[in-house]
Amino acid sequence: ALSEEIIIQNEEVLKKASIIVCQTKINKKTIKKIVEIANENNVPVVINPSRPNEISLDNKENEELFNKISMIICDTKQLKEIFEQNVMVDEVLKKYGKKLIVMEDNNQIKYFDGNSIISINSQIELQEVGAKDIFIGRFIKNYLEKENIAEAIKASVIL
């Protein structure tokens, strides 16, 4: 399993990364270490919260970690676990700006560009097993190439 010790052993690799992507399946102590190294070296960190309670804002201890994460790519269920069950997706997107990309059940992908909420239709069925992980991988690749969230999303979901 990925541990804090393994992260420390590979710190030089992390320092030189263009971007770090991780799921919250790894324990919070390890995530904190990754985020710490990344922040010290201006490396963006993208989280896919497969265990959203690990960064839930119901727990005040998570605020500092949450604020240091560059981007969170989640579905609506995960979003509600991070924030609160009754939260409206559009409200959270407006509040946290470019930090969030949300995959909705209707194959819509939403994010806030600073002015308005952008909704992009996915031609990929995001509810299939593994599809969200594939989208995230494609998005990261395209984002590194295009440096534009909308263009990266479109290139990742439009066939």
N, C-alpha and C. Protein backbone atom coordinates (compact mmCIF):
# COMPACT_ATOMS: atom_id res chain seq x y z
N ALA A 1 0.84 -1.19 0.00
CA ALA A 1 0.00 0.00 0.00
C ALA A 1 0.88 1.25 0.00
N LEU A 2 0.37 2.27 -0.62
CA LEU A 2 1.08 3.54 -0.66
C LEU A 2 1.10 4.13 0.74
N SER A 3 2.28 4.45 1.22
CA SER A 3 2.42 4.96 2.58
C SER A 3 3.24 6.24 2.58
N GLU A 4 3.24 6.90 3.73
CA GLU A 4 4.03 8.12 3.87
C GLU A 4 5.51 7.83 3.63
N GLU A 5 5.98 6.66 4.05
CA GLU A 5 7.39 6.30 3.85
C GLU A 5 7.73 6.21 2.36
N ILE A 6 6.84 5.61 1.58
CA ILE A 6 7.07 5.50 0.13
C ILE A 6 7.07 6.89 -0.50
N ILE A 7 6.18 7.76 -0.04
CA ILE A 7 6.14 9.13 -0.54
C ILE A 7 7.46 9.83 -0.26
N ILE A 8 7.96 9.70 0.95
CA ILE A 8 9.24 10.33 1.32
C ILE A 8 10.37 9.77 0.46
N GLN A 9 10.38 8.46 0.22
CA GLN A 9 11.41 7.85 -0.62
C GLN A 9 11.37 8.39 -2.05
N ASN A 10 10.20 8.79 -2.50
CA ASN A 10 10.03 9.27 -3.88
C ASN A 10 9.79 10.78 -3.95
N GLU A 11 10.20 11.48 -2.93
CA GLU A 11 9.95 12.92 -2.84
C GLU A 11 10.53 13.68 -4.03
N GLU A 12 11.71 13.32 -4.49
CA GLU A 12 12.33 14.03 -5.61
C GLU A 12 11.50 13.92 -6.89
N VAL A 13 10.89 12.77 -7.10
CA VAL A 13 10.02 12.58 -8.26
C VAL A 13 8.81 13.50 -8.15
N LEU A 14 8.21 13.56 -6.97
CA LEU A 14 7.04 14.41 -6.76
C LEU A 14 7.37 15.88 -6.95
N LYS A 15 8.54 16.29 -6.49
CA LYS A 15 8.96 17.69 -6.61
C LYS A 15 9.07 18.13 -8.06
N LYS A 16 9.39 17.20 -8.94
CA LYS A 16 9.61 17.52 -10.36
C LYS A 16 8.37 17.28 -11.22
N ALA A 17 7.30 16.82 -10.61
CA ALA A 17 6.09 16.48 -11.37
C ALA A 17 5.44 17.72 -11.97
N SER A 18 4.75 17.54 -13.08
CA SER A 18 3.95 18.62 -13.67
C SER A 18 2.65 18.76 -12.91
N ILE A 19 2.14 17.63 -12.44
CA ILE A 19 0.88 17.58 -11.71
C ILE A 19 0.85 16.25 -10.96
N ILE A 20 0.19 16.23 -9.82
CA ILE A 20 0.03 14.99 -9.05
C ILE A 20 -1.46 14.71 -8.94
N VAL A 21 -1.85 13.49 -9.27
CA VAL A 21 -3.24 13.08 -9.20
C VAL A 21 -3.33 11.91 -8.24
N CYS A 22 -4.25 11.98 -7.29
CA CYS A 22 -4.41 10.84 -6.39
C CYS A 22 -5.86 10.69 -5.95
N GLN A 23 -6.19 9.49 -5.53
CA GLN A 23 -7.51 9.19 -5.00
C GLN A 23 -7.41 9.18 -3.48
N THR A 24 -8.53 9.41 -2.84
CA THR A 24 -8.53 9.38 -1.38
C THR A 24 -8.67 7.96 -0.85
N LYS A 25 -8.38 6.96 -1.68
CA LYS A 25 -8.32 5.58 -1.19
C LYS A 25 -7.11 5.41 -0.29
N ILE A 26 -6.07 6.21 -0.54
CA ILE A 26 -4.90 6.16 0.33
C ILE A 26 -5.22 6.93 1.60
N ASN A 27 -4.52 6.64 2.68
CA ASN A 27 -4.90 7.25 3.96
C ASN A 27 -4.58 8.75 3.99
N LYS A 28 -5.27 9.43 4.88
CA LYS A 28 -5.18 10.89 4.94
C LYS A 28 -3.77 11.37 5.27
N LYS A 29 -3.05 10.65 6.10
CA LYS A 29 -1.68 11.04 6.45
C LYS A 29 -0.81 11.07 5.19
N THR A 30 -0.98 10.09 4.33
CA THR A 30 -0.21 10.03 3.08
C THR A 30 -0.64 11.15 2.13
N ILE A 31 -1.94 11.39 2.03
CA ILE A 31 -2.43 12.49 1.19
C ILE A 31 -1.85 13.81 1.68
N LYS A 32 -1.86 14.02 2.99
CA LYS A 32 -1.31 15.27 3.54
C LYS A 32 0.16 15.44 3.17
N LYS A 33 0.92 14.35 3.21
CA LYS A 33 2.34 14.41 2.86
C LYS A 33 2.51 14.75 1.38
N ILE A 34 1.72 14.14 0.53
CA ILE A 34 1.77 14.44 -0.91
C ILE A 34 1.46 15.91 -1.15
N VAL A 35 0.39 16.40 -0.53
CA VAL A 35 -0.03 17.79 -0.71
C VAL A 35 1.04 18.74 -0.17
N GLU A 36 1.63 18.40 0.95
CA GLU A 36 2.69 19.23 1.54
C GLU A 36 3.87 19.37 0.57
N ILE A 37 4.36 18.25 0.06
CA ILE A 37 5.48 18.27 -0.89
C ILE A 37 5.10 19.06 -2.14
N ALA A 38 3.92 18.80 -2.65
CA ALA A 38 3.46 19.49 -3.86
C ALA A 38 3.38 20.99 -3.65
N ASN A 39 2.78 21.42 -2.54
CA ASN A 39 2.63 22.85 -2.27
C ASN A 39 3.98 23.54 -2.12
N GLU A 40 4.92 22.88 -1.47
CA GLU A 40 6.26 23.46 -1.29
C GLU A 40 6.98 23.65 -2.62
N ASN A 41 6.57 22.89 -3.63
CA ASN A 41 7.25 22.91 -4.93
C ASN A 41 6.35 23.41 -6.07
N ASN A 42 5.26 24.06 -5.71
CA ASN A 42 4.31 24.62 -6.68
C ASN A 42 3.83 23.59 -7.71
N VAL A 43 3.58 22.39 -7.25
CA VAL A 43 3.05 21.33 -8.11
C VAL A 43 1.56 21.19 -7.80
N PRO A 44 0.69 21.35 -8.79
CA PRO A 44 -0.74 21.20 -8.53
C PRO A 44 -1.10 19.77 -8.15
N VAL A 45 -2.09 19.65 -7.24
CA VAL A 45 -2.58 18.35 -6.80
C VAL A 45 -4.06 18.24 -7.15
N VAL A 46 -4.40 17.18 -7.87
CA VAL A 46 -5.79 16.90 -8.23
C VAL A 46 -6.22 15.67 -7.45
N ILE A 47 -7.36 15.79 -6.80
CA ILE A 47 -7.89 14.69 -5.98
C ILE A 47 -9.17 14.17 -6.61
N ASN A 48 -9.27 12.85 -6.68
CA ASN A 48 -10.52 12.16 -6.99
C ASN A 48 -10.95 11.52 -5.67
N PRO A 49 -11.97 12.07 -5.03
CA PRO A 49 -12.32 11.61 -3.68
C PRO A 49 -13.13 10.32 -3.65
N SER A 50 -12.47 9.20 -3.88
CA SER A 50 -13.17 7.92 -3.81
C SER A 50 -13.65 7.64 -2.39
N ARG A 51 -13.01 8.26 -1.41
CA ARG A 51 -13.49 8.25 -0.02
C ARG A 51 -13.67 9.71 0.39
N PRO A 52 -14.77 10.32 -0.01
CA PRO A 52 -14.95 11.76 0.21
C PRO A 52 -14.92 12.19 1.67
N ASN A 53 -15.26 11.27 2.58
CA ASN A 53 -15.24 11.64 4.00
C ASN A 53 -13.82 12.01 4.46
N GLU A 54 -12.79 11.56 3.72
CA GLU A 54 -11.41 11.89 4.07
C GLU A 54 -11.12 13.38 3.94
N ILE A 55 -11.90 14.08 3.10
CA ILE A 55 -11.70 15.53 2.95
C ILE A 55 -12.99 16.30 3.24
N SER A 56 -13.95 15.65 3.89
CA SER A 56 -15.24 16.28 4.21
C SER A 56 -15.04 17.54 5.04
N LEU A 57 -15.73 18.59 4.65
CA LEU A 57 -15.62 19.85 5.38
C LEU A 57 -16.49 19.86 6.64
N ASP A 58 -17.20 18.75 6.90
CA ASP A 58 -17.89 18.61 8.18
C ASP A 58 -16.86 18.52 9.30
N ASN A 59 -15.68 18.04 8.96
CA ASN A 59 -14.57 17.92 9.91
C ASN A 59 -13.66 19.12 9.71
N LYS A 60 -13.61 20.01 10.69
CA LYS A 60 -12.83 21.25 10.59
C LYS A 60 -11.34 20.98 10.33
N GLU A 61 -10.84 19.82 10.76
CA GLU A 61 -9.44 19.47 10.53
C GLU A 61 -9.12 19.38 9.03
N ASN A 62 -10.12 19.16 8.22
CA ASN A 62 -9.90 18.97 6.79
C ASN A 62 -9.81 20.28 6.00
N GLU A 63 -10.18 21.40 6.61
CA GLU A 63 -10.19 22.67 5.88
C GLU A 63 -8.83 23.04 5.32
N GLU A 64 -7.79 22.91 6.13
CA GLU A 64 -6.45 23.27 5.66
C GLU A 64 -6.04 22.39 4.48
N LEU A 65 -6.26 21.09 4.59
CA LEU A 65 -5.94 20.17 3.50
C LEU A 65 -6.76 20.52 2.26
N PHE A 66 -8.05 20.73 2.43
CA PHE A 66 -8.94 21.07 1.32
C PHE A 66 -8.44 22.31 0.58
N ASN A 67 -8.04 23.32 1.33
CA ASN A 67 -7.59 24.58 0.74
C ASN A 67 -6.28 24.43 -0.04
N LYS A 68 -5.48 23.44 0.29
CA LYS A 68 -4.20 23.23 -0.39
C LYS A 68 -4.33 22.38 -1.65
N ILE A 69 -5.45 21.71 -1.81
CA ILE A 69 -5.69 20.89 -3.00
C ILE A 69 -6.02 21.82 -4.17
N SER A 70 -5.39 21.59 -5.31
CA SER A 70 -5.59 22.46 -6.47
C SER A 70 -6.94 22.24 -7.13
N MET A 71 -7.34 20.98 -7.27
CA MET A 71 -8.57 20.68 -7.98
C MET A 71 -9.14 19.36 -7.46
N ILE A 72 -10.47 19.31 -7.40
CA ILE A 72 -11.17 18.09 -7.01
C ILE A 72 -12.11 17.73 -8.16
N ILE A 73 -11.99 16.50 -8.64
CA ILE A 73 -12.88 16.01 -9.69
C ILE A 73 -13.73 14.91 -9.06
N CYS A 74 -15.04 15.17 -8.97
CA CYS A 74 -15.91 14.24 -8.24
C CYS A 74 -17.26 14.12 -8.92
N ASP A 75 -18.05 13.16 -8.44
CA ASP A 75 -19.43 13.07 -8.90
C ASP A 75 -20.31 13.75 -7.85
N THR A 76 -21.61 13.83 -8.12
CA THR A 76 -22.50 14.57 -7.21
C THR A 76 -22.61 13.89 -5.84
N LYS A 77 -22.57 12.57 -5.81
CA LYS A 77 -22.63 11.86 -4.53
C LYS A 77 -21.41 12.23 -3.67
N GLN A 78 -20.23 12.20 -4.27
CA GLN A 78 -19.01 12.56 -3.54
C GLN A 78 -19.06 14.02 -3.10
N LEU A 79 -19.56 14.89 -3.97
CA LEU A 79 -19.67 16.31 -3.65
C LEU A 79 -20.51 16.52 -2.39
N LYS A 80 -21.64 15.81 -2.32
CA LYS A 80 -22.52 15.94 -1.16
C LYS A 80 -21.87 15.41 0.11
N GLU A 81 -20.99 14.42 -0.01
CA GLU A 81 -20.28 13.91 1.16
C GLU A 81 -19.18 14.86 1.61
N ILE A 82 -18.58 15.56 0.68
CA ILE A 82 -17.54 16.53 1.03
C ILE A 82 -18.16 17.75 1.70
N PHE A 83 -19.26 18.23 1.18
CA PHE A 83 -19.87 19.46 1.69
C PHE A 83 -21.01 19.14 2.64
N GLU A 84 -22.18 18.86 2.11
CA GLU A 84 -23.32 18.44 2.93
C GLU A 84 -24.37 17.86 2.01
N GLN A 85 -25.23 17.04 2.55
CA GLN A 85 -26.19 16.31 1.74
C GLN A 85 -27.14 17.21 0.95
N ASN A 86 -27.52 18.35 1.52
CA ASN A 86 -28.51 19.20 0.87
C ASN A 86 -27.91 20.26 -0.04
N VAL A 87 -26.62 20.20 -0.25
CA VAL A 87 -25.94 21.23 -1.02
C VAL A 87 -26.39 21.19 -2.49
N MET A 88 -26.48 22.37 -3.08
CA MET A 88 -26.81 22.48 -4.50
C MET A 88 -25.49 22.56 -5.27
N VAL A 89 -25.36 21.75 -6.30
CA VAL A 89 -24.11 21.67 -7.06
C VAL A 89 -23.68 23.05 -7.55
N ASP A 90 -24.59 23.80 -8.14
CA ASP A 90 -24.23 25.10 -8.70
C ASP A 90 -23.71 26.07 -7.63
N GLU A 91 -24.29 26.03 -6.43
CA GLU A 91 -23.83 26.89 -5.33
C GLU A 91 -22.38 26.59 -4.97
N VAL A 92 -22.07 25.31 -4.84
CA VAL A 92 -20.71 24.90 -4.48
C VAL A 92 -19.73 25.27 -5.59
N LEU A 93 -20.13 25.05 -6.83
CA LEU A 93 -19.26 25.40 -7.95
C LEU A 93 -18.93 26.89 -7.94
N LYS A 94 -19.92 27.72 -7.70
CA LYS A 94 -19.68 29.17 -7.66
C LYS A 94 -18.76 29.55 -6.50
N LYS A 95 -18.96 28.91 -5.37
CA LYS A 95 -18.16 29.25 -4.18
C LYS A 95 -16.70 28.85 -4.34
N TYR A 96 -16.45 27.69 -4.94
CA TYR A 96 -15.08 27.18 -5.00
C TYR A 96 -14.44 27.31 -6.37
N GLY A 97 -15.10 27.99 -7.27
CA GLY A 97 -14.49 28.34 -8.55
C GLY A 97 -13.87 27.18 -9.29
N LYS A 98 -12.67 27.40 -9.80
CA LYS A 98 -12.00 26.42 -10.65
C LYS A 98 -11.44 25.24 -9.88
N LYS A 99 -11.73 25.17 -8.60
CA LYS A 99 -11.24 24.06 -7.77
C LYS A 99 -12.04 22.77 -8.01
N LEU A 100 -13.27 22.89 -8.51
CA LEU A 100 -14.15 21.73 -8.64
C LEU A 100 -14.57 21.45 -10.08
N ILE A 101 -14.57 20.17 -10.41
CA ILE A 101 -15.20 19.68 -11.63
C ILE A 101 -16.14 18.58 -11.15
N VAL A 102 -17.42 18.69 -11.52
CA VAL A 102 -18.42 17.74 -11.04
C VAL A 102 -19.02 16.96 -12.20
N MET A 103 -19.01 15.65 -12.06
CA MET A 103 -19.63 14.75 -13.04
C MET A 103 -21.02 14.39 -12.53
N GLU A 104 -22.04 14.80 -13.26
CA GLU A 104 -23.41 14.54 -12.82
C GLU A 104 -23.93 13.23 -13.43
N ASP A 105 -25.00 12.72 -12.83
CA ASP A 105 -25.58 11.44 -13.25
C ASP A 105 -26.09 11.45 -14.68
N ASN A 106 -26.40 12.61 -15.22
CA ASN A 106 -26.96 12.70 -16.58
C ASN A 106 -25.86 12.90 -17.64
N ASN A 107 -24.63 12.51 -17.31
CA ASN A 107 -23.48 12.64 -18.21
C ASN A 107 -23.13 14.09 -18.53
N GLN A 108 -23.48 14.98 -17.62
CA GLN A 108 -23.06 16.37 -17.71
C GLN A 108 -21.83 16.55 -16.84
N ILE A 109 -20.91 17.35 -17.31
CA ILE A 109 -19.75 17.72 -16.51
C ILE A 109 -19.82 19.22 -16.32
N LYS A 110 -19.75 19.65 -15.06
CA LYS A 110 -19.91 21.07 -14.75
C LYS A 110 -18.68 21.62 -14.04
N TYR A 111 -18.40 22.88 -14.33
CA TYR A 111 -17.39 23.62 -13.58
C TYR A 111 -17.72 25.10 -13.70
N PHE A 112 -17.10 25.91 -12.87
CA PHE A 112 -17.32 27.35 -12.85
C PHE A 112 -16.07 28.02 -13.39
N ASP A 113 -16.23 28.83 -14.44
CA ASP A 113 -15.07 29.45 -15.07
C ASP A 113 -14.70 30.82 -14.50
N GLY A 114 -15.38 31.20 -13.42
CA GLY A 114 -15.13 32.51 -12.82
C GLY A 114 -16.25 33.49 -13.13
N ASN A 115 -16.97 33.24 -14.23
CA ASN A 115 -18.09 34.09 -14.63
C ASN A 115 -19.41 33.34 -14.61
N SER A 116 -19.38 32.12 -15.11
CA SER A 116 -20.62 31.34 -15.17
C SER A 116 -20.31 29.85 -15.06
N ILE A 117 -21.36 29.10 -14.78
CA ILE A 117 -21.22 27.65 -14.70
C ILE A 117 -21.29 27.10 -16.11
N ILE A 118 -20.30 26.32 -16.45
CA ILE A 118 -20.21 25.71 -17.77
C ILE A 118 -20.63 24.25 -17.63
N SER A 119 -21.51 23.81 -18.51
CA SER A 119 -21.97 22.42 -18.51
C SER A 119 -21.64 21.81 -19.87
N ILE A 120 -20.94 20.70 -19.84
CA ILE A 120 -20.52 20.03 -21.07
C ILE A 120 -21.13 18.63 -21.09
N ASN A 121 -21.79 18.29 -22.19
CA ASN A 121 -22.36 16.95 -22.36
C ASN A 121 -21.26 15.96 -22.69
N SER A 122 -21.25 14.86 -21.97
CA SER A 122 -20.27 13.81 -22.25
C SER A 122 -20.85 12.82 -23.24
N GLN A 123 -20.08 12.47 -24.24
CA GLN A 123 -20.49 11.41 -25.16
C GLN A 123 -20.04 10.06 -24.63
N ILE A 124 -19.35 10.08 -23.52
CA ILE A 124 -18.92 8.86 -22.85
C ILE A 124 -19.88 8.61 -21.70
N GLU A 125 -20.35 7.40 -21.54
CA GLU A 125 -21.25 7.03 -20.45
C GLU A 125 -20.45 7.02 -19.15
N LEU A 126 -20.61 8.05 -18.34
CA LEU A 126 -19.81 8.20 -17.12
C LEU A 126 -20.25 7.29 -15.98
N GLN A 127 -21.39 6.63 -16.13
CA GLN A 127 -21.88 5.77 -15.06
C GLN A 127 -21.34 4.34 -15.15
N GLU A 128 -20.67 4.02 -16.24
CA GLU A 128 -20.11 2.68 -16.39
C GLU A 128 -18.89 2.51 -15.49
N VAL A 129 -18.65 1.30 -15.06
CA VAL A 129 -17.52 1.01 -14.18
C VAL A 129 -16.22 1.46 -14.85
N GLY A 130 -15.45 2.25 -14.14
CA GLY A 130 -14.15 2.70 -14.63
C GLY A 130 -14.20 3.94 -15.51
N ALA A 131 -15.38 4.35 -15.96
CA ALA A 131 -15.49 5.47 -16.89
C ALA A 131 -15.02 6.79 -16.27
N LYS A 132 -15.33 7.00 -15.00
CA LYS A 132 -14.91 8.25 -14.35
C LYS A 132 -13.39 8.31 -14.24
N ASP A 133 -12.77 7.20 -13.92
CA ASP A 133 -11.30 7.16 -13.84
C ASP A 133 -10.69 7.43 -15.21
N ILE A 134 -11.29 6.87 -16.25
CA ILE A 134 -10.79 7.11 -17.61
C ILE A 134 -10.94 8.59 -17.96
N PHE A 135 -12.10 9.17 -17.61
CA PHE A 135 -12.29 10.61 -17.87
C PHE A 135 -11.21 11.42 -17.15
N ILE A 136 -10.96 11.12 -15.89
CA ILE A 136 -9.97 11.89 -15.12
C ILE A 136 -8.59 11.77 -15.76
N GLY A 137 -8.21 10.58 -16.17
CA GLY A 137 -6.92 10.40 -16.84
C GLY A 137 -6.84 11.21 -18.13
N ARG A 138 -7.88 11.14 -18.94
CA ARG A 138 -7.91 11.91 -20.19
C ARG A 138 -7.88 13.41 -19.90
N PHE A 139 -8.67 13.82 -18.91
CA PHE A 139 -8.72 15.25 -18.58
C PHE A 139 -7.34 15.76 -18.18
N ILE A 140 -6.65 15.04 -17.31
CA ILE A 140 -5.32 15.49 -16.85
C ILE A 140 -4.38 15.61 -18.05
N LYS A 141 -4.36 14.60 -18.91
CA LYS A 141 -3.50 14.64 -20.11
C LYS A 141 -3.84 15.87 -20.95
N ASN A 142 -5.11 16.08 -21.22
CA ASN A 142 -5.54 17.21 -22.05
C ASN A 142 -5.31 18.55 -21.36
N TYR A 143 -5.49 18.59 -20.05
CA TYR A 143 -5.27 19.83 -19.31
C TYR A 143 -3.80 20.23 -19.35
N LEU A 144 -2.90 19.27 -19.23
CA LEU A 144 -1.47 19.57 -19.31
C LEU A 144 -1.11 20.09 -20.70
N GLU A 145 -1.77 19.60 -21.73
CA GLU A 145 -1.50 20.04 -23.10
C GLU A 145 -2.15 21.39 -23.40
N LYS A 146 -3.39 21.58 -22.99
CA LYS A 146 -4.16 22.75 -23.39
C LYS A 146 -4.17 23.88 -22.36
N GLU A 147 -3.95 23.54 -21.09
CA GLU A 147 -3.98 24.51 -19.99
C GLU A 147 -5.28 25.31 -19.95
N ASN A 148 -6.37 24.67 -20.36
CA ASN A 148 -7.68 25.30 -20.37
C ASN A 148 -8.69 24.23 -19.95
N ILE A 149 -9.41 24.50 -18.87
CA ILE A 149 -10.32 23.49 -18.32
C ILE A 149 -11.39 23.08 -19.33
N ALA A 150 -12.06 24.04 -19.95
CA ALA A 150 -13.14 23.71 -20.89
C ALA A 150 -12.63 22.88 -22.05
N GLU A 151 -11.52 23.29 -22.63
CA GLU A 151 -10.96 22.56 -23.77
C GLU A 151 -10.52 21.16 -23.35
N ALA A 152 -9.96 21.04 -22.16
CA ALA A 152 -9.51 19.73 -21.67
C ALA A 152 -10.71 18.81 -21.44
N ILE A 153 -11.79 19.34 -20.87
CA ILE A 153 -12.99 18.52 -20.66
C ILE A 153 -13.55 18.07 -22.01
N LYS A 154 -13.72 19.02 -22.93
CA LYS A 154 -14.29 18.67 -24.24
C LYS A 154 -13.46 17.60 -24.94
N ALA A 155 -12.15 17.75 -24.92
CA ALA A 155 -11.27 16.78 -25.57
C ALA A 155 -11.36 15.41 -24.89
N SER A 156 -11.80 15.39 -23.65
CA SER A 156 -11.85 14.15 -22.88
C SER A 156 -13.16 13.39 -23.02
N VAL A 157 -14.24 14.10 -23.40
CA VAL A 157 -15.56 13.45 -23.40
C VAL A 157 -16.30 13.52 -24.72
N ILE A 158 -15.77 14.25 -25.68
CA ILE A 158 -16.44 14.35 -26.98
C ILE A 158 -15.67 13.51 -27.97
N LEU A 159 -16.34 12.52 -28.53
CA LEU A 159 -15.68 11.57 -29.43
C LEU A 159 -15.54 12.10 -30.83
